[in-house]
Amino acid sequence: MSEAEFDYLLETVRAEIEADVRYDLRSQEMFFAPIPTAANDNDGPWPLIPFPDGWQASC
């Protein structure tokens, strides 16, 4: 394969990749869509409630 043929091949592949990215709207939707919130979003972490004195957790 000569250098001219290799350059032609690279240019053809580059053009096809750019065309696919330009016309593929699904790949761009994720940049414009709002970030979904979790179904169990409780506005932050819950406070830590310690066990009373003498109590302990076990499995």
C-alpha atoms as a PDB file:
ATOM      1  CA  MET A   1       0.000   0.000   0.000  1.00  0.00           C
ATOM      2  CA  SER A   2       1.489   3.313  -0.999  1.00  0.00           C
ATOM      3  CA  GLU A   3       1.484   6.418   1.157  1.00  0.00           C
ATOM      4  CA  ALA A   4      -1.095   8.086  -1.104  1.00  0.00           C
ATOM      5  CA  GLU A   5      -3.459   5.126  -0.767  1.00  0.00           C
ATOM      6  CA  PHE A   6      -2.976   5.116   3.000  1.00  0.00           C
ATOM      7  CA  ASP A   7      -3.752   8.853   3.224  1.00  0.00           C
ATOM      8  CA  TYR A   8      -6.862   8.338   1.091  1.00  0.00           C
ATOM      9  CA  LEU A   9      -7.975   5.512   3.384  1.00  0.00           C
ATOM     10  CA  LEU A  10      -7.453   7.621   6.509  1.00  0.00           C
ATOM     11  CA  GLU A  11      -9.354  10.558   5.022  1.00  0.00           C
ATOM     12  CA  THR A  12     -12.271   8.295   4.061  1.00  0.00           C
ATOM     13  CA  VAL A  13     -12.477   6.756   7.530  1.00  0.00           C
ATOM     14  CA  ARG A  14     -12.224  10.179   9.187  1.00  0.00           C
ATOM     15  CA  ALA A  15     -15.057  11.551   7.036  1.00  0.00           C
ATOM     16  CA  GLU A  16     -17.317   8.590   7.862  1.00  0.00           C
ATOM     17  CA  ILE A  17     -16.698   8.870  11.603  1.00  0.00           C
ATOM     18  CA  GLU A  18     -17.422  12.608  11.588  1.00  0.00           C
ATOM     19  CA  ALA A  19     -20.627  12.041   9.595  1.00  0.00           C
ATOM     20  CA  ASP A  20     -21.850   9.396  12.040  1.00  0.00           C
ATOM     21  CA  VAL A  21     -21.213  11.614  15.056  1.00  0.00           C
ATOM     22  CA  ARG A  22     -22.754  14.692  13.423  1.00  0.00           C
ATOM     23  CA  TYR A  23     -26.009  12.970  12.461  1.00  0.00           C
ATOM     24  CA  ASP A  24     -26.399  10.707  15.471  1.00  0.00           C
ATOM     25  CA  LEU A  25     -28.750  12.714  17.659  1.00  0.00           C
ATOM     26  CA  ARG A  26     -28.983   9.984  20.276  1.00  0.00           C
ATOM     27  CA  SER A  27     -25.378  10.593  21.278  1.00  0.00           C
ATOM     28  CA  GLN A  28     -26.150  14.279  21.874  1.00  0.00           C
ATOM     29  CA  GLU A  29     -29.403  13.796  23.810  1.00  0.00           C
ATOM     30  CA  MET A  30     -27.584  12.876  27.004  1.00  0.00           C
ATOM     31  CA  PHE A  31     -25.912  16.288  27.089  1.00  0.00           C
ATOM     32  CA  PHE A  32     -29.233  18.159  26.977  1.00  0.00           C
ATOM     33  CA  ALA A  33     -31.419  15.899  29.110  1.00  0.00           C
ATOM     34  CA  PRO A  34     -31.937  16.854  32.767  1.00  0.00           C
ATOM     35  CA  ILE A  35     -30.263  14.652  35.332  1.00  0.00           C
ATOM     36  CA  PRO A  36     -32.919  12.369  36.831  1.00  0.00           C
ATOM     37  CA  THR A  37     -33.338  12.267  40.580  1.00  0.00           C
ATOM     38  CA  ALA A  38     -33.536   9.025  42.468  1.00  0.00           C
ATOM     39  CA  ALA A  39     -36.975   7.735  43.420  1.00  0.00           C
ATOM     40  CA  ASN A  40     -35.917   7.557  47.067  1.00  0.00           C
ATOM     41  CA  ASP A  41     -34.162  10.941  47.233  1.00  0.00           C
ATOM     42  CA  ASN A  42     -34.573  12.061  50.840  1.00  0.00           C
ATOM     43  CA  ASP A  43     -32.814  15.423  50.517  1.00  0.00           C
ATOM     44  CA  GLY A  44     -29.454  14.315  51.818  1.00  0.00           C
ATOM     45  CA  PRO A  45     -28.131  11.850  54.366  1.00  0.00           C
ATOM     46  CA  TRP A  46     -30.122  10.983  57.456  1.00  0.00           C
ATOM     47  CA  PRO A  47     -28.752  12.057  60.828  1.00  0.00           C
ATOM     48  CA  LEU A  48     -26.772   9.558  62.872  1.00  0.00           C
ATOM     49  CA  ILE A  49     -28.800   8.351  65.861  1.00  0.00           C
ATOM     50  CA  PRO A  50     -26.556   6.438  68.246  1.00  0.00           C
ATOM     51  CA  PHE A  51     -27.721   3.417  70.236  1.00  0.00           C
ATOM     52  CA  PRO A  52     -28.603   4.128  73.869  1.00  0.00           C
ATOM     53  CA  ASP A  53     -26.000   3.181  76.479  1.00  0.00           C
ATOM     54  CA  GLY A  54     -25.795  -0.572  76.979  1.00  0.00           C
ATOM     55  CA  TRP A  55     -27.340  -1.427  73.608  1.00  0.00           C
ATOM     56  CA  GLN A  56     -25.409  -3.032  70.788  1.00  0.00           C
ATOM     57  CA  ALA A  57     -26.079  -4.157  67.235  1.00  0.00           C
ATOM     58  CA  SER A  58     -25.621  -7.762  66.180  1.00  0.00           C
ATOM     59  CA  CYS A  59     -26.425  -9.822  63.101  1.00  0.00           C
END
